[in-house]
Protein backbone atom coordinates (compact mmCIF):
# COMPACT_ATOMS: atom_id res chain seq x y z
CA MET A 1 148.73 58.63 125.09
CA SER A 2 146.34 60.65 126.39
CA GLU A 3 143.57 63.42 125.43
CA GLN A 4 145.34 66.59 124.43
CA PRO A 5 144.55 69.82 126.95
CA SER A 6 143.71 72.22 123.84
CA GLY A 7 140.02 72.15 124.13
CA LEU A 8 140.33 70.22 120.70
CA PRO A 9 139.79 66.77 120.00
CA GLY A 10 143.08 64.71 120.19
CA VAL A 11 144.58 63.11 117.69
CA THR A 12 147.22 60.28 117.61
CA VAL A 13 149.38 59.67 115.01
CA VAL A 14 150.49 56.18 114.45
CA ILE A 15 153.58 55.59 112.60
CA PRO A 16 154.79 51.92 111.63
CA VAL A 17 158.09 51.66 111.36
CA TYR A 18 160.23 48.66 109.95
CA ASN A 19 163.70 49.71 108.24
CA MET A 20 162.71 52.91 107.51
CA GLU A 21 166.18 54.73 108.81
CA ARG A 22 165.84 56.65 105.47
CA TYR A 23 162.59 58.23 105.51
CA VAL A 24 161.52 58.15 108.97
CA GLU A 25 162.76 61.45 110.29
CA ARG A 26 161.05 63.29 107.10
CA SER A 27 157.80 61.66 107.93
CA LEU A 28 157.95 62.36 111.57
CA ASN A 29 158.93 66.12 110.87
CA SER A 30 155.93 66.35 108.61
CA VAL A 31 153.80 65.54 111.43
CA LEU A 32 155.59 67.82 113.95
CA ALA A 33 154.92 70.59 111.14
CA GLN A 34 151.48 70.16 111.44
CA THR A 35 149.36 73.55 112.05
CA TYR A 36 146.87 71.06 114.19
CA PRO A 37 147.82 71.37 117.86
CA ALA A 38 146.05 68.46 119.80
CA LEU A 39 148.72 66.07 118.34
CA ALA A 40 150.33 63.14 119.90
CA VAL A 41 152.67 60.72 117.83
CA LEU A 42 153.48 56.82 118.38
CA LEU A 43 156.44 55.84 116.70
CA VAL A 44 155.77 51.82 116.42
CA ASP A 45 159.24 50.08 115.79
CA ASP A 46 157.92 46.61 114.16
CA GLY A 47 161.25 44.75 114.54
CA SER A 48 163.57 46.94 112.44
CA THR A 49 166.88 45.43 111.24
CA ASP A 50 168.55 48.58 110.11
CA GLY A 51 169.11 52.17 112.05
CA SER A 52 165.74 52.70 112.66
CA LEU A 53 165.21 51.77 116.10
CA GLU A 54 168.14 53.70 117.36
CA LEU A 55 167.02 56.70 115.12
CA CYS A 56 163.49 56.29 116.59
CA ARG A 57 164.90 56.29 119.99
CA LYS A 58 166.47 59.89 119.29
CA LEU A 59 163.56 61.19 117.41
CA ALA A 60 161.31 60.29 120.47
CA ALA A 61 163.63 61.77 123.15
CA SER A 62 163.68 65.11 121.22
CA SER A 63 160.32 65.80 121.37
CA PRO A 64 157.61 65.36 124.38
CA ALA A 65 154.87 64.43 121.92
CA VAL A 66 156.76 61.32 120.51
CA GLU A 67 156.38 58.15 122.18
CA LEU A 68 158.57 55.14 121.02
CA VAL A 69 156.77 51.63 121.12
CA THR A 70 159.03 48.64 120.25
CA GLY A 71 158.15 44.90 119.35
CA PRO A 72 158.89 41.93 116.95
CA ASN A 73 158.29 42.30 113.50
CA ARG A 74 154.48 41.12 112.89
CA GLY A 75 153.66 43.37 109.71
CA VAL A 76 151.93 46.55 109.57
CA ALA A 77 148.54 45.50 110.33
CA ALA A 78 149.57 44.58 113.69
CA ALA A 79 151.77 47.84 114.23
CA ARG A 80 148.84 50.22 113.27
CA ASN A 81 146.62 48.22 115.58
CA CYS A 82 148.89 48.25 118.35
CA GLY A 83 149.01 52.26 118.20
CA THR A 84 145.25 52.55 117.93
CA GLU A 85 144.77 50.35 120.94
CA LEU A 86 147.35 52.71 122.79
CA ALA A 87 145.67 55.95 121.93
CA ARG A 88 143.72 57.61 124.12
CA THR A 89 142.42 60.30 121.84
CA GLU A 90 139.03 60.80 119.80
CA TYR A 91 140.91 60.32 116.55
CA VAL A 92 143.59 58.26 115.06
CA ALA A 93 145.62 58.85 111.77
CA TYR A 94 148.01 56.56 110.25
CA LEU A 95 151.19 57.75 108.35
CA ASP A 96 153.65 55.32 106.73
CA ALA A 97 157.25 55.81 107.84
CA ASP A 98 158.20 56.94 104.30
CA ASP A 99 155.35 59.03 103.46
CA LEU A 100 154.73 62.96 104.10
CA TRP A 101 151.74 65.30 105.22
CA HIS A 102 150.83 68.88 104.07
CA PRO A 103 151.19 71.04 107.18
CA GLU A 104 147.34 71.65 106.97
CA LYS A 105 146.36 67.75 106.58
CA ILE A 106 145.06 67.04 109.87
CA ALA A 107 143.36 70.64 110.82
CA ARG A 108 141.59 70.02 107.30
CA GLN A 109 140.41 66.89 108.10
CA VAL A 110 139.30 67.24 111.90
CA ASP A 111 137.46 70.57 110.40
CA ALA A 112 135.63 68.49 107.73
CA LEU A 113 134.52 65.96 110.52
CA SER A 114 133.52 68.28 112.78
CA CYS A 115 129.99 69.06 111.33
CA HIS A 116 129.45 65.21 111.90
CA ARG A 117 130.60 64.81 115.25
CA ALA A 118 126.76 64.76 116.61
CA ALA A 119 126.28 61.72 114.00
CA SER A 120 127.94 58.66 115.10
CA ASP A 121 127.64 56.84 111.93
CA TRP A 122 130.39 59.57 110.18
CA ALA A 123 133.68 57.60 111.26
CA ALA A 124 136.63 59.02 108.96
CA CYS A 125 138.01 61.30 106.49
CA TYR A 126 140.55 60.80 103.79
CA CYS A 127 141.93 63.04 101.11
CA LEU A 128 144.01 63.20 97.83
CA TYR A 129 147.90 62.14 97.70
CA ARG A 130 150.56 63.19 95.01
CA ARG A 131 153.04 60.38 94.29
CA ILE A 132 156.65 61.63 95.26
CA ASP A 133 160.04 60.40 94.92
CA ASP A 134 163.16 59.70 97.12
CA ASP A 135 163.80 63.18 97.27
CA ASP A 136 160.44 64.56 97.85
CA ARG A 137 159.78 65.42 94.34
CA VAL A 138 156.48 65.15 92.98
CA ILE A 139 155.95 62.44 90.33
CA ARG A 140 152.59 62.88 89.42
CA SER A 141 149.15 63.79 91.27
CA GLY A 142 147.20 61.03 92.33
CA PRO A 143 143.53 60.59 90.96
CA LEU A 144 140.57 62.85 91.82
CA SER A 145 137.68 61.54 93.89
CA ASP A 146 134.28 63.16 94.80
CA GLU A 147 133.23 59.88 96.81
CA ARG A 148 131.68 61.05 100.33
CA GLY A 149 129.28 59.42 102.70
CA ALA A 150 128.20 55.77 102.19
CA PHE A 151 130.44 54.54 98.97
CA PHE A 152 130.98 50.88 100.00
CA ALA A 153 129.97 49.52 96.83
CA GLU A 154 132.02 52.28 94.77
CA HIS A 155 135.16 51.61 96.78
CA LEU A 156 134.72 47.93 96.39
CA LYS A 157 135.11 48.97 92.26
CA ARG A 158 137.59 51.26 93.15
CA ASN A 159 139.89 52.11 95.79
CA HIS A 160 139.12 55.90 96.02
CA VAL A 161 141.74 56.22 98.76
CA GLY A 162 144.47 54.78 97.46
CA ASN A 163 147.28 54.35 100.34
CA GLY A 164 147.21 53.92 104.23
CA SER A 165 148.88 57.51 104.82
CA SER A 166 145.34 59.38 104.16
CA LEU A 167 143.05 58.29 106.52
CA LEU A 168 142.00 60.14 109.56
CA VAL A 169 139.57 58.07 111.71
CA ARG A 170 137.51 57.84 114.94
CA ARG A 171 139.46 55.25 117.50
CA GLU A 172 135.96 53.96 118.54
CA ALA A 173 135.20 53.14 115.03
CA ALA A 174 138.72 51.74 114.34
CA LEU A 175 138.19 49.48 117.49
CA ASP A 176 134.54 48.65 116.30
CA VAL A 177 135.47 47.09 112.72
CA GLY A 178 138.14 45.08 114.22
CA GLY A 179 141.36 47.43 113.01
CA PHE A 180 143.69 45.98 110.30
CA ASP A 181 143.50 42.40 109.44
CA PRO A 182 147.31 41.00 110.46
CA SER A 183 146.39 37.47 108.89
CA GLN A 184 146.89 38.79 105.49
CA ALA A 185 150.63 39.01 105.69
CA ALA A 186 150.73 35.74 107.40
CA ARG A 187 148.56 34.21 104.37
CA GLY A 188 151.51 35.81 101.71
CA LEU A 189 148.93 38.67 100.93
CA GLY A 190 150.11 41.71 102.64
CA GLY A 191 150.08 45.05 100.71
CA CYS A 192 146.53 45.87 100.76
CA GLU A 193 145.70 46.04 104.48
CA ASP A 194 144.56 49.67 104.33
CA PHE A 195 142.15 48.66 101.47
CA ASP A 196 140.55 46.10 103.61
CA PHE A 197 140.41 48.31 106.69
CA GLN A 198 138.88 50.92 104.37
CA LEU A 199 135.84 48.46 103.29
CA LYS A 200 135.30 47.29 106.44
CA LEU A 201 134.70 51.12 107.90
CA LEU A 202 132.46 51.86 104.85
CA ARG A 203 130.15 48.45 105.52
CA ARG A 204 129.25 50.22 108.74
CA TYR A 205 129.95 54.02 108.55
CA LYS A 206 130.41 57.00 106.37
CA VAL A 207 133.58 58.51 105.24
CA GLU A 208 134.40 62.37 104.59
CA LEU A 209 136.59 63.63 101.81
CA VAL A 210 138.73 66.70 101.66
CA ALA A 211 139.44 66.84 98.10
CA GLU A 212 142.80 68.39 98.43
CA TYR A 213 146.37 66.92 97.69
CA LEU A 214 147.62 66.62 101.56
CA VAL A 215 149.51 63.48 101.33
CA GLY A 216 153.23 62.71 99.61
CA TYR A 217 152.76 58.95 98.84
CA ARG A 218 156.38 57.85 97.88
CA GLN A 219 157.06 55.49 95.17
CA ARG A 220 160.04 53.17 95.70
CA ASP A 221 161.33 50.34 94.09
CA ASP A 222 161.62 48.25 97.30
CA GLN A 223 158.33 48.81 98.76
CA MET A 224 155.56 46.09 99.00
CA SER A 225 153.48 47.72 96.47
CA GLY A 226 156.26 47.04 94.08
CA ASP A 227 155.72 43.22 94.50
CA ARG A 228 153.15 43.28 91.57
CA LYS A 229 152.06 39.40 92.10
CA ARG A 230 151.28 39.78 95.53
CA MET A 231 149.63 42.96 95.15
CA GLY A 232 147.72 41.49 92.38
CA ASP A 233 146.59 38.35 94.54
CA ALA A 234 145.78 40.64 97.46
CA TYR A 235 143.97 43.19 95.89
CA PHE A 236 141.33 40.71 94.38
CA ALA A 237 141.58 38.57 97.59
CA VAL A 238 140.37 41.28 99.37
CA VAL A 239 137.47 42.35 96.68
CA GLU A 240 136.58 38.79 96.45
CA ALA A 241 135.99 38.58 100.42
CA PHE A 242 133.99 41.70 100.53
CA ALA A 243 131.88 40.84 97.33
CA GLY A 244 129.65 38.55 99.15
CA ASP A 245 128.33 41.12 101.45
CA PRO A 246 124.34 40.60 101.09
CA ALA A 247 124.14 44.40 101.02
CA LEU A 248 125.59 44.42 97.20
CA THR A 249 123.07 44.14 94.49
CA PRO A 250 123.91 41.21 91.94
CA ALA A 251 125.29 44.04 89.60
CA ASP A 252 127.35 45.62 91.97
CA ARG A 253 128.82 42.22 93.04
CA ARG A 254 129.70 41.45 89.13
CA ALA A 255 131.16 44.74 88.88
CA ALA A 256 133.38 44.56 91.88
CA LEU A 257 134.66 41.30 90.81
CA VAL A 258 135.37 42.30 87.07
CA ALA A 259 137.08 45.59 88.46
CA GLY A 260 139.01 43.77 91.18
CA ARG A 261 140.16 41.10 88.63
CA GLY A 262 140.96 43.81 86.31
CA CYS A 263 143.43 45.42 88.52
CA ALA A 264 144.89 42.47 89.49
CA ALA A 265 145.78 41.59 85.77
CA ALA A 266 147.06 45.12 85.51
CA ASN A 267 149.59 44.02 88.46
CA TYR A 268 150.42 40.76 86.80
CA PHE A 269 151.17 42.42 83.36
CA MET A 270 153.21 45.20 84.62
CA GLY A 271 155.22 42.76 86.65
CA GLY A 272 155.64 40.18 83.95
CA TYR A 273 153.56 37.19 85.22
CA LEU A 274 152.01 36.57 81.72
CA VAL A 275 150.28 33.50 82.78
CA ARG A 276 148.33 34.83 85.66
CA PHE A 277 147.70 37.80 83.66
CA ALA A 278 146.48 35.49 81.08
CA ARG A 279 144.10 33.73 83.64
CA ALA A 280 142.69 36.92 84.96
CA ALA A 281 141.84 38.48 81.74
CA ALA A 282 140.26 35.33 80.14
CA GLY A 283 138.09 35.13 83.66
CA ASN A 284 137.12 38.97 83.25
CA MET A 285 136.66 38.23 79.08
CA ALA A 286 134.28 35.24 79.96
CA THR A 287 132.18 37.53 82.63
CA ALA A 288 132.10 40.92 81.11
CA PRO A 289 133.70 41.15 77.39
CA LEU A 290 132.71 44.57 76.58
CA THR A 291 133.86 46.08 80.02
CA SER A 292 136.78 44.07 80.06
CA LEU A 293 137.84 45.40 76.64
CA ASN A 294 137.26 48.83 77.71
CA ARG A 295 138.98 48.41 80.64
CA ALA A 296 142.18 46.88 78.74
CA ALA A 297 141.75 49.98 76.20
CA ARG A 298 142.06 52.72 79.19
CA PHE A 299 144.84 50.53 80.73
CA VAL A 300 146.78 50.68 77.27
CA ALA A 301 146.37 54.25 76.90
CA TRP A 302 147.43 54.97 80.42
CA GLN A 303 150.81 52.75 79.72
CA VAL A 304 151.52 55.13 77.07
CA ARG A 305 150.63 58.47 78.86
CA GLU A 306 153.12 57.02 81.59
CA LYS A 307 155.98 56.03 79.42
CA THR A 308 155.50 59.63 77.73
CA ARG A 309 155.62 61.45 81.03
CA LEU A 310 158.70 59.43 82.46
CA SER A 311 160.51 60.03 78.66
CA ARG A 312 159.77 63.77 79.41
CA ALA A 313 160.91 63.85 82.97
CA ARG A 314 164.07 62.02 81.95
CA ARG A 315 164.76 64.82 79.47
CA LYS A 316 164.36 67.48 81.89
CA GLY A 317 165.85 65.95 84.79
CA ALA A 318 164.51 64.94 88.35
CA ALA A 319 165.57 68.60 89.70
CA SER A 320 163.06 70.03 87.23
CA SER A 321 160.13 68.42 89.20
CA PRO A 322 158.52 70.59 92.05
CA LEU A 323 158.95 69.52 95.82
CA PHE A 324 155.88 68.18 97.44
CA TYR A 325 155.84 71.10 99.76
CA ASP A 326 156.07 73.74 97.33
CA LEU A 327 152.65 72.90 95.42
CA ASP A 328 149.52 74.21 96.24
CA PRO A 329 147.42 70.92 97.74
CA ARG A 330 144.41 72.90 95.72
CA ARG A 331 145.76 72.30 92.57
CA ARG A 332 143.50 70.15 90.73
CA THR A 333 145.89 69.51 87.74
CA PRO A 334 149.12 67.29 87.79
CA ALA A 335 152.10 69.49 88.14
CA CYS A 336 154.49 67.89 86.00
């Protein structure tokens, strides 16, 4: 993929596709609707076994900005790395094949990074997201964040980016940190490759923020993040690996491990893996009892709020929820 002729810095959008026949056209359309003109798109089919590959062929044939790359199934990390290596633009952005972008997403991120172009230590930009259902309707707004710059330690304690469809990154920086780690999936720990990549970037570079809801992050029952055991294992494995970084203070290291174990425990609990939940909770209680009790209280309160929200949503009916594109991305409060 070559640099675009508009005079603007080029952006290659990498869309890994694995059995996403139901969603990939909507995701691609959200890219083609971007107001930023210097865009190229790489659909990377990762050995799909449904109708995704044939659909991607048709989509690539219908637009000169779209190119299709095919290969055997190697996992989302390898597919993203393939797209990054093939790109020849200054920036690369990643979009999961079931998620959506607001039309201004790339333009606002490139603009946010433009004032740092002379500073080689600024590598990427993220934005906020809203969770959406199968019909592109908003389930709820994602958490707010105001972290920007060098926030490696804070990101290790809490994933501020939240998904793999948010990041715009300088291609050079993505390659410099080694890209995404395909070994996680090989070890049965797939699901947190994006979190691992973000931490590798933040360990060396600064990351900018556009504090607007520019990503529609789809929530599906069959998605990888629905495997609570795998997500719990993977999340804590990533935190544990980075907690050994010598740049961290002992207090930050301890806080990161407690937070990571707490996130794993929450996943185990929601997935019904009660033995794993008990072990993780006991580990945190032995390390930081007051912090662990506070986290547990906040988790219970969140669970109560979620059940109340879902009950209200069922009474109103799904059609009452707003569509992702109908909401102002600058709106700072949940829409439903």
